[in-house]
């Protein structure tokens, strides 16, 4: 296997069939592969859909998350390869307009560059998991772990 061959293997072995680009395939493969380790629940609590229609747009990846209060929260992950995003001022303006539209609809949007995904797809998956945890529980995974540790320490010293 060549030096970067693991990326090709990962994206072809695990990626969903709807990937429009190698970056999307690599991201979705990495996320799906480490989803359980990142403690991201599966459907129906958290559903991942590639190339999802959202109003007049198509999202690279849409996560629909059932939050603690019973409502559904949505997270869009956009994977910006240099070929299609921010190559010109017009393309950058179009992306920003799209983000504002989604925000107005109550959709959280995070973007990763193609370089970020290529260099460390698992870090991108981890950052996505943090965002999902925030949507579902109203707090970050790090803050939730710290609170759980503090509660445990209090319980130890109260006994």
Protein backbone atom coordinates (compact mmCIF):
# COMPACT_ATOMS: atom_id res chain seq x y z
CA UNK A 1 0.00 0.00 0.00
CA UNK A 2 1.46 3.35 -1.00
CA UNK A 3 2.05 6.05 1.62
CA UNK A 4 -1.36 7.73 1.24
CA UNK A 5 -3.11 4.55 0.12
CA UNK A 6 -4.98 4.25 3.41
CA UNK A 7 -7.14 7.22 2.37
CA UNK A 8 -8.16 5.53 -0.85
CA UNK A 9 -8.78 2.25 0.95
CA UNK A 10 -10.84 3.94 3.67
CA UNK A 11 -12.98 5.96 1.31
CA UNK A 12 -13.72 3.03 -1.00
CA UNK A 13 -14.23 0.53 1.84
CA UNK A 14 -16.50 2.55 4.09
CA UNK A 15 -17.95 5.54 2.21
CA UNK A 16 -21.57 5.92 1.34
CA UNK A 17 -22.60 5.60 -2.27
CA UNK A 18 -23.76 9.21 -2.59
CA UNK A 19 -20.36 10.86 -2.28
CA UNK A 20 -19.80 13.45 -4.99
CA UNK A 21 -16.05 13.68 -4.43
CA UNK A 22 -13.13 11.80 -2.88
CA UNK A 23 -13.16 14.31 0.01
CA UNK A 24 -16.82 13.55 0.79
CA UNK A 25 -16.14 9.82 0.60
CA UNK A 26 -13.15 10.13 2.94
CA UNK A 27 -15.05 12.30 5.45
CA UNK A 28 -18.15 10.08 5.60
CA UNK A 29 -16.00 6.96 5.82
CA UNK A 30 -13.95 8.39 8.68
CA UNK A 31 -17.06 9.58 10.52
CA UNK A 32 -18.85 6.26 10.10
CA UNK A 33 -15.77 4.31 11.14
CA UNK A 34 -15.25 6.18 14.41
CA UNK A 35 -18.87 7.08 15.15
CA UNK A 36 -19.23 4.65 18.05
CA UNK A 37 -15.90 5.67 19.60
CA UNK A 38 -17.02 9.28 19.43
CA UNK A 39 -20.25 8.30 21.23
CA UNK A 40 -22.52 9.55 18.44
CA UNK A 41 -25.80 7.63 18.56
CA UNK A 42 -27.18 6.01 15.45
CA UNK A 43 -30.65 6.45 13.93
CA UNK A 44 -33.24 7.32 15.04
CA UNK A 45 -31.42 9.64 17.48
CA UNK A 46 -28.83 10.87 14.98
CA UNK A 47 -29.30 10.25 11.28
CA UNK A 48 -26.63 11.01 8.66
CA UNK A 49 -27.63 11.66 5.04
CA UNK A 50 -25.34 12.50 2.15
CA UNK A 51 -26.36 14.91 -0.62
CA UNK A 52 -29.51 15.86 1.28
CA UNK A 53 -31.97 18.32 -0.25
CA UNK A 54 -32.50 21.27 2.05
CA UNK A 55 -34.72 24.00 0.61
CA UNK A 56 -33.12 25.25 -2.61
CA UNK A 57 -29.77 23.67 -1.68
CA UNK A 58 -28.12 20.29 -1.48
CA UNK A 59 -25.99 19.67 1.62
CA UNK A 60 -22.88 17.50 1.42
CA UNK A 61 -23.82 15.83 4.71
CA UNK A 62 -26.92 16.46 6.82
CA UNK A 63 -27.19 15.23 10.38
CA UNK A 64 -30.66 15.23 11.92
CA UNK A 65 -30.40 15.00 15.69
CA UNK A 66 -33.16 14.34 18.22
CA UNK A 67 -32.41 16.75 21.06
CA UNK A 68 -33.09 16.25 24.77
CA UNK A 69 -36.27 18.39 24.55
CA UNK A 70 -37.67 16.16 21.79
CA UNK A 71 -37.16 18.56 18.91
CA UNK A 72 -35.10 17.80 15.84
CA UNK A 73 -31.93 19.81 15.28
CA UNK A 74 -30.05 19.81 12.02
CA UNK A 75 -26.35 20.11 11.30
CA UNK A 76 -24.98 20.54 7.80
CA UNK A 77 -21.37 19.68 7.10
CA UNK A 78 -20.00 21.26 3.95
CA UNK A 79 -16.78 19.87 2.52
CA UNK A 80 -15.13 22.51 0.44
CA UNK A 81 -12.71 21.28 -2.15
CA UNK A 82 -10.67 24.05 -3.75
CA UNK A 83 -12.10 23.27 -7.19
CA UNK A 84 -15.63 24.28 -6.25
CA UNK A 85 -15.43 26.67 -3.30
CA UNK A 86 -13.84 30.04 -2.74
CA UNK A 87 -11.95 29.96 -5.99
CA UNK A 88 -13.58 33.26 -6.90
CA UNK A 89 -15.25 36.05 -4.95
CA UNK A 90 -18.56 35.03 -6.48
CA UNK A 91 -18.25 31.45 -5.27
CA UNK A 92 -17.30 32.62 -1.78
CA UNK A 93 -20.27 35.00 -1.71
CA UNK A 94 -22.59 32.20 -2.85
CA UNK A 95 -21.33 29.94 -0.03
CA UNK A 96 -21.85 32.70 2.56
CA UNK A 97 -25.36 33.42 1.27
CA UNK A 98 -26.17 29.72 1.52
CA UNK A 99 -24.85 29.58 5.10
CA UNK A 100 -27.02 32.59 6.06
CA UNK A 101 -30.10 30.94 4.54
CA UNK A 102 -29.48 27.75 6.51
CA UNK A 103 -28.88 29.71 9.71
CA UNK A 104 -32.22 31.48 9.20
CA UNK A 105 -33.84 28.02 8.95
CA UNK A 106 -32.29 26.99 12.29
CA UNK A 107 -29.65 24.77 10.67
CA UNK A 108 -26.13 24.78 12.07
CA UNK A 109 -23.45 24.75 9.37
CA UNK A 110 -19.81 23.76 9.72
CA UNK A 111 -17.33 23.73 6.88
CA UNK A 112 -14.13 21.79 6.39
CA UNK A 113 -11.68 22.47 3.61
CA UNK A 114 -10.59 19.63 1.39
CA UNK A 115 -7.11 19.95 2.91
CA UNK A 116 -8.46 19.56 6.44
CA UNK A 117 -10.31 16.38 5.49
CA UNK A 118 -7.40 15.01 3.47
CA UNK A 119 -4.83 15.69 6.21
CA UNK A 120 -6.89 14.42 9.16
CA UNK A 121 -10.38 13.10 8.42
CA UNK A 122 -10.68 11.75 11.96
CA UNK A 123 -10.19 15.21 13.48
CA UNK A 124 -12.99 16.49 11.25
CA UNK A 125 -15.18 13.61 12.44
CA UNK A 126 -14.31 14.45 16.05
CA UNK A 127 -15.22 18.12 15.57
CA UNK A 128 -18.51 17.05 14.00
CA UNK A 129 -19.23 14.80 16.98
CA UNK A 130 -18.66 17.78 19.30
CA UNK A 131 -21.15 19.84 17.30
CA UNK A 132 -23.71 17.00 17.39
CA UNK A 133 -23.28 16.62 21.15
CA UNK A 134 -23.81 20.37 21.54
CA UNK A 135 -27.04 20.21 19.51
CA UNK A 136 -28.41 17.16 21.31
CA UNK A 137 -27.36 17.94 24.89
CA UNK A 138 -26.76 21.68 24.91
CA UNK A 139 -23.16 21.25 26.01
CA UNK A 140 -19.88 20.08 24.55
CA UNK A 141 -18.58 16.58 25.13
CA UNK A 142 -15.62 18.04 27.04
CA UNK A 143 -17.89 20.05 29.37
CA UNK A 144 -20.15 17.02 29.89
CA UNK A 145 -17.14 14.86 30.86
CA UNK A 146 -15.86 17.52 33.24
CA UNK A 147 -19.29 17.85 34.88
CA UNK A 148 -19.55 14.08 35.25
CA UNK A 149 -16.09 13.94 36.85
CA UNK A 150 -16.96 16.75 39.26
CA UNK A 151 -20.23 15.04 40.21
CA UNK A 152 -18.31 11.82 40.86
CA UNK A 153 -15.74 13.66 43.00
CA UNK A 154 -18.50 15.36 45.01
CA UNK A 155 -20.19 12.00 45.57
CA UNK A 156 -16.89 10.50 46.78
CA UNK A 157 -16.29 13.25 49.29
CA UNK A 158 -19.88 13.44 50.51
CA UNK A 159 -19.90 9.82 51.65
